[in-house]
Amino acid sequence: MLKWVLAWIGLASLLDFVLMGTDKWKARRNRWRVPEKTFFLVALLGGSPGAILGMYAFRHKTRHWYFKWGLPAILAAQVALGGWLYWRFFL
């Protein structure tokens, strides 16, 4: 079960990381952009580590307070929920 959860988180993180890079590329070329709600949706579905890494790796969306504080808040909530689920059902 744990390997499936980690695989899901890895794939969602990779998706959000790629979305950050793609959006930065599109922003530089004045093209159609990825909607901001897409970043948050993928982050809520488990991609918050990739979103945070992509945000700082591509220096993208770092000036927006809702990304700067929102994505780490989502990650903290997911870690807390994961810890609680592990403690509740596996210990």
N, C-alpha and C. Protein backbone atom coordinates (compact mmCIF):
# COMPACT_ATOMS: atom_id res chain seq x y z
N MET A 1 0.82 -1.19 0.00
CA MET A 1 0.00 0.00 0.00
C MET A 1 0.86 1.26 0.00
N LEU A 2 1.91 1.26 0.81
CA LEU A 2 2.78 2.42 0.93
C LEU A 2 3.47 2.73 -0.39
N LYS A 3 3.88 1.70 -1.13
CA LYS A 3 4.57 1.96 -2.40
C LYS A 3 3.63 2.61 -3.41
N TRP A 4 2.33 2.28 -3.36
CA TRP A 4 1.37 2.91 -4.28
C TRP A 4 1.16 4.38 -3.92
N VAL A 5 1.11 4.65 -2.64
CA VAL A 5 0.95 6.04 -2.20
C VAL A 5 2.18 6.86 -2.61
N LEU A 6 3.36 6.31 -2.40
CA LEU A 6 4.59 7.02 -2.78
C LEU A 6 4.69 7.19 -4.29
N ALA A 7 4.25 6.18 -5.05
CA ALA A 7 4.24 6.31 -6.51
C ALA A 7 3.28 7.41 -6.95
N TRP A 8 2.11 7.47 -6.32
CA TRP A 8 1.13 8.52 -6.65
C TRP A 8 1.71 9.91 -6.36
N ILE A 9 2.32 10.05 -5.18
CA ILE A 9 2.91 11.34 -4.80
C ILE A 9 4.04 11.70 -5.77
N GLY A 10 4.84 10.73 -6.14
CA GLY A 10 5.93 10.97 -7.09
C GLY A 10 5.42 11.43 -8.45
N LEU A 11 4.40 10.77 -8.96
CA LEU A 11 3.85 11.16 -10.26
C LEU A 11 3.17 12.52 -10.22
N ALA A 12 2.41 12.78 -9.16
CA ALA A 12 1.76 14.09 -9.02
C ALA A 12 2.79 15.19 -8.86
N SER A 13 3.86 14.92 -8.12
CA SER A 13 4.93 15.90 -7.94
C SER A 13 5.65 16.17 -9.26
N LEU A 14 5.90 15.12 -10.01
CA LEU A 14 6.54 15.29 -11.31
C LEU A 14 5.65 16.13 -12.23
N LEU A 15 4.35 15.86 -12.22
CA LEU A 15 3.42 16.63 -13.04
C LEU A 15 3.43 18.10 -12.66
N ASP A 16 3.37 18.41 -11.36
CA ASP A 16 3.36 19.80 -10.93
C ASP A 16 4.69 20.48 -11.23
N PHE A 17 5.80 19.76 -11.10
CA PHE A 17 7.11 20.31 -11.44
C PHE A 17 7.17 20.68 -12.92
N VAL A 18 6.70 19.78 -13.77
CA VAL A 18 6.69 20.03 -15.21
C VAL A 18 5.75 21.18 -15.56
N LEU A 19 4.61 21.25 -14.88
CA LEU A 19 3.69 22.35 -15.12
C LEU A 19 4.33 23.70 -14.78
N MET A 20 5.08 23.75 -13.69
CA MET A 20 5.77 25.00 -13.32
C MET A 20 6.78 25.40 -14.40
N GLY A 21 7.55 24.44 -14.87
CA GLY A 21 8.53 24.73 -15.92
C GLY A 21 7.87 25.15 -17.22
N THR A 22 6.80 24.48 -17.57
CA THR A 22 6.07 24.80 -18.80
C THR A 22 5.46 26.19 -18.71
N ASP A 23 4.87 26.52 -17.57
CA ASP A 23 4.25 27.83 -17.41
C ASP A 23 5.30 28.94 -17.46
N LYS A 24 6.45 28.70 -16.89
CA LYS A 24 7.52 29.69 -16.94
C LYS A 24 7.98 29.89 -18.38
N TRP A 25 8.12 28.82 -19.11
CA TRP A 25 8.52 28.89 -20.51
C TRP A 25 7.50 29.68 -21.32
N LYS A 26 6.21 29.39 -21.08
CA LYS A 26 5.15 30.08 -21.79
C LYS A 26 5.07 31.55 -21.40
N ALA A 27 5.35 31.86 -20.14
CA ALA A 27 5.31 33.25 -19.69
C ALA A 27 6.38 34.07 -20.39
N ARG A 28 7.53 33.50 -20.60
CA ARG A 28 8.61 34.22 -21.28
C ARG A 28 8.30 34.47 -22.75
N ARG A 29 7.48 33.64 -23.35
CA ARG A 29 7.16 33.75 -24.76
C ARG A 29 5.77 34.35 -25.01
N ASN A 30 5.16 34.85 -23.94
CA ASN A 30 3.86 35.50 -24.02
C ASN A 30 2.80 34.60 -24.68
N ARG A 31 2.75 33.36 -24.25
CA ARG A 31 1.79 32.39 -24.78
C ARG A 31 0.73 32.06 -23.74
N TRP A 32 -0.20 31.20 -24.14
CA TRP A 32 -1.26 30.73 -23.24
C TRP A 32 -0.62 30.12 -22.00
N ARG A 33 -1.15 30.45 -20.84
CA ARG A 33 -0.56 30.05 -19.56
C ARG A 33 -1.37 28.94 -18.90
N VAL A 34 -0.73 28.24 -18.01
CA VAL A 34 -1.39 27.24 -17.18
C VAL A 34 -2.17 27.99 -16.09
N PRO A 35 -3.46 27.69 -15.92
CA PRO A 35 -4.22 28.38 -14.86
C PRO A 35 -3.64 28.09 -13.48
N GLU A 36 -3.65 29.11 -12.62
CA GLU A 36 -3.08 28.95 -11.27
C GLU A 36 -3.82 27.89 -10.47
N LYS A 37 -5.12 27.75 -10.69
CA LYS A 37 -5.87 26.75 -9.94
C LYS A 37 -5.40 25.33 -10.28
N THR A 38 -4.82 25.15 -11.47
CA THR A 38 -4.30 23.83 -11.85
C THR A 38 -3.13 23.43 -10.95
N PHE A 39 -2.24 24.40 -10.66
CA PHE A 39 -1.11 24.11 -9.77
C PHE A 39 -1.61 23.67 -8.40
N PHE A 40 -2.62 24.38 -7.89
CA PHE A 40 -3.13 24.06 -6.56
C PHE A 40 -3.90 22.74 -6.55
N LEU A 41 -4.63 22.45 -7.62
CA LEU A 41 -5.37 21.19 -7.69
C LEU A 41 -4.41 20.00 -7.67
N VAL A 42 -3.38 20.07 -8.49
CA VAL A 42 -2.40 18.98 -8.53
C VAL A 42 -1.67 18.88 -7.19
N ALA A 43 -1.38 20.04 -6.57
CA ALA A 43 -0.72 20.03 -5.26
C ALA A 43 -1.62 19.37 -4.22
N LEU A 44 -2.90 19.67 -4.25
CA LEU A 44 -3.84 19.05 -3.30
C LEU A 44 -3.96 17.55 -3.53
N LEU A 45 -3.75 17.10 -4.75
CA LEU A 45 -3.83 15.68 -5.07
C LEU A 45 -2.51 14.95 -4.80
N GLY A 46 -1.56 15.63 -4.19
CA GLY A 46 -0.31 14.97 -3.79
C GLY A 46 0.94 15.54 -4.41
N GLY A 47 0.81 16.54 -5.27
CA GLY A 47 1.97 17.07 -5.96
C GLY A 47 2.62 18.28 -5.33
N SER A 48 2.34 18.54 -4.06
CA SER A 48 2.89 19.73 -3.42
C SER A 48 4.43 19.73 -3.36
N PRO A 49 5.10 18.59 -3.14
CA PRO A 49 6.57 18.64 -3.16
C PRO A 49 7.12 19.08 -4.52
N GLY A 50 6.54 18.58 -5.59
CA GLY A 50 6.99 18.97 -6.93
C GLY A 50 6.68 20.41 -7.25
N ALA A 51 5.54 20.90 -6.76
CA ALA A 51 5.17 22.29 -7.00
C ALA A 51 6.15 23.23 -6.30
N ILE A 52 6.51 22.90 -5.07
CA ILE A 52 7.46 23.73 -4.33
C ILE A 52 8.84 23.68 -4.97
N LEU A 53 9.28 22.49 -5.34
CA LEU A 53 10.58 22.38 -6.01
C LEU A 53 10.59 23.13 -7.33
N GLY A 54 9.52 22.99 -8.10
CA GLY A 54 9.43 23.68 -9.39
C GLY A 54 9.37 25.18 -9.23
N MET A 55 8.68 25.64 -8.20
CA MET A 55 8.54 27.06 -7.96
C MET A 55 9.92 27.70 -7.76
N TYR A 56 10.77 27.04 -6.99
CA TYR A 56 12.09 27.61 -6.72
C TYR A 56 13.13 27.23 -7.78
N ALA A 57 13.00 26.08 -8.39
CA ALA A 57 13.95 25.69 -9.45
C ALA A 57 13.81 26.58 -10.67
N PHE A 58 12.58 26.94 -11.03
CA PHE A 58 12.33 27.78 -12.19
C PHE A 58 12.16 29.25 -11.82
N ARG A 59 12.25 29.56 -10.53
CA ARG A 59 12.01 30.92 -10.03
C ARG A 59 10.71 31.46 -10.60
N HIS A 60 9.67 30.69 -10.38
CA HIS A 60 8.36 30.99 -10.95
C HIS A 60 7.31 31.04 -9.84
N LYS A 61 6.52 32.08 -9.83
CA LYS A 61 5.43 32.29 -8.87
C LYS A 61 5.94 32.53 -7.45
N THR A 62 7.20 32.88 -7.30
CA THR A 62 7.76 33.07 -5.96
C THR A 62 7.36 34.40 -5.33
N ARG A 63 6.84 35.33 -6.11
CA ARG A 63 6.43 36.62 -5.56
C ARG A 63 4.96 36.63 -5.15
N HIS A 64 4.24 35.61 -5.53
CA HIS A 64 2.82 35.53 -5.17
C HIS A 64 2.71 34.91 -3.78
N TRP A 65 2.12 35.64 -2.83
CA TRP A 65 2.05 35.16 -1.46
C TRP A 65 1.27 33.87 -1.35
N TYR A 66 0.25 33.70 -2.19
CA TYR A 66 -0.56 32.49 -2.08
C TYR A 66 0.18 31.26 -2.59
N PHE A 67 1.20 31.43 -3.40
CA PHE A 67 2.07 30.30 -3.75
C PHE A 67 3.16 30.13 -2.70
N LYS A 68 3.77 31.25 -2.31
CA LYS A 68 4.88 31.21 -1.37
C LYS A 68 4.49 30.60 -0.03
N TRP A 69 3.27 30.87 0.43
CA TRP A 69 2.80 30.36 1.71
C TRP A 69 1.78 29.24 1.54
N GLY A 70 1.03 29.25 0.46
CA GLY A 70 -0.03 28.26 0.27
C GLY A 70 0.48 26.86 -0.01
N LEU A 71 1.46 26.76 -0.90
CA LEU A 71 1.98 25.43 -1.22
C LEU A 71 2.66 24.75 -0.03
N PRO A 72 3.51 25.46 0.75
CA PRO A 72 4.05 24.82 1.95
C PRO A 72 2.96 24.47 2.98
N ALA A 73 1.90 25.28 3.05
CA ALA A 73 0.80 24.96 3.97
C ALA A 73 0.10 23.69 3.55
N ILE A 74 -0.10 23.51 2.23
CA ILE A 74 -0.70 22.28 1.73
C ILE A 74 0.20 21.10 2.05
N LEU A 75 1.50 21.24 1.84
CA LEU A 75 2.44 20.16 2.14
C LEU A 75 2.41 19.81 3.63
N ALA A 76 2.39 20.82 4.49
CA ALA A 76 2.36 20.57 5.94
C ALA A 76 1.08 19.84 6.33
N ALA A 77 -0.04 20.23 5.74
CA ALA A 77 -1.31 19.56 6.04
C ALA A 77 -1.29 18.11 5.55
N GLN A 78 -0.68 17.88 4.39
CA GLN A 78 -0.60 16.52 3.87
C GLN A 78 0.31 15.64 4.72
N VAL A 79 1.41 16.19 5.18
CA VAL A 79 2.32 15.43 6.06
C VAL A 79 1.62 15.12 7.37
N ALA A 80 0.90 16.09 7.92
CA ALA A 80 0.17 15.86 9.18
C ALA A 80 -0.91 14.80 8.99
N LEU A 81 -1.65 14.89 7.90
CA LEU A 81 -2.69 13.89 7.63
C LEU A 81 -2.08 12.51 7.42
N GLY A 82 -0.98 12.45 6.67
CA GLY A 82 -0.29 11.17 6.45
C GLY A 82 0.22 10.57 7.74
N GLY A 83 0.79 11.41 8.60
CA GLY A 83 1.26 10.93 9.90
C GLY A 83 0.13 10.43 10.77
N TRP A 84 -0.98 11.16 10.75
CA TRP A 84 -2.13 10.73 11.54
C TRP A 84 -2.69 9.41 11.02
N LEU A 85 -2.82 9.27 9.70
CA LEU A 85 -3.33 8.02 9.12
C LEU A 85 -2.41 6.85 9.43
N TYR A 86 -1.11 7.09 9.33
CA TYR A 86 -0.15 6.03 9.65
C TYR A 86 -0.27 5.63 11.12
N TRP A 87 -0.30 6.61 11.99
CA TRP A 87 -0.39 6.33 13.43
C TRP A 87 -1.71 5.63 13.75
N ARG A 88 -2.79 6.05 13.12
CA ARG A 88 -4.14 5.52 13.43
C ARG A 88 -4.32 4.10 12.93
N PHE A 89 -3.81 3.80 11.72
CA PHE A 89 -4.14 2.52 11.11
C PHE A 89 -2.98 1.52 11.03
N PHE A 90 -1.76 1.96 11.23
CA PHE A 90 -0.64 1.04 11.06
C PHE A 90 0.17 0.81 12.33
N LEU A 91 -0.10 1.54 13.38
CA LEU A 91 0.64 1.30 14.62
C LEU A 91 -0.25 0.65 15.65
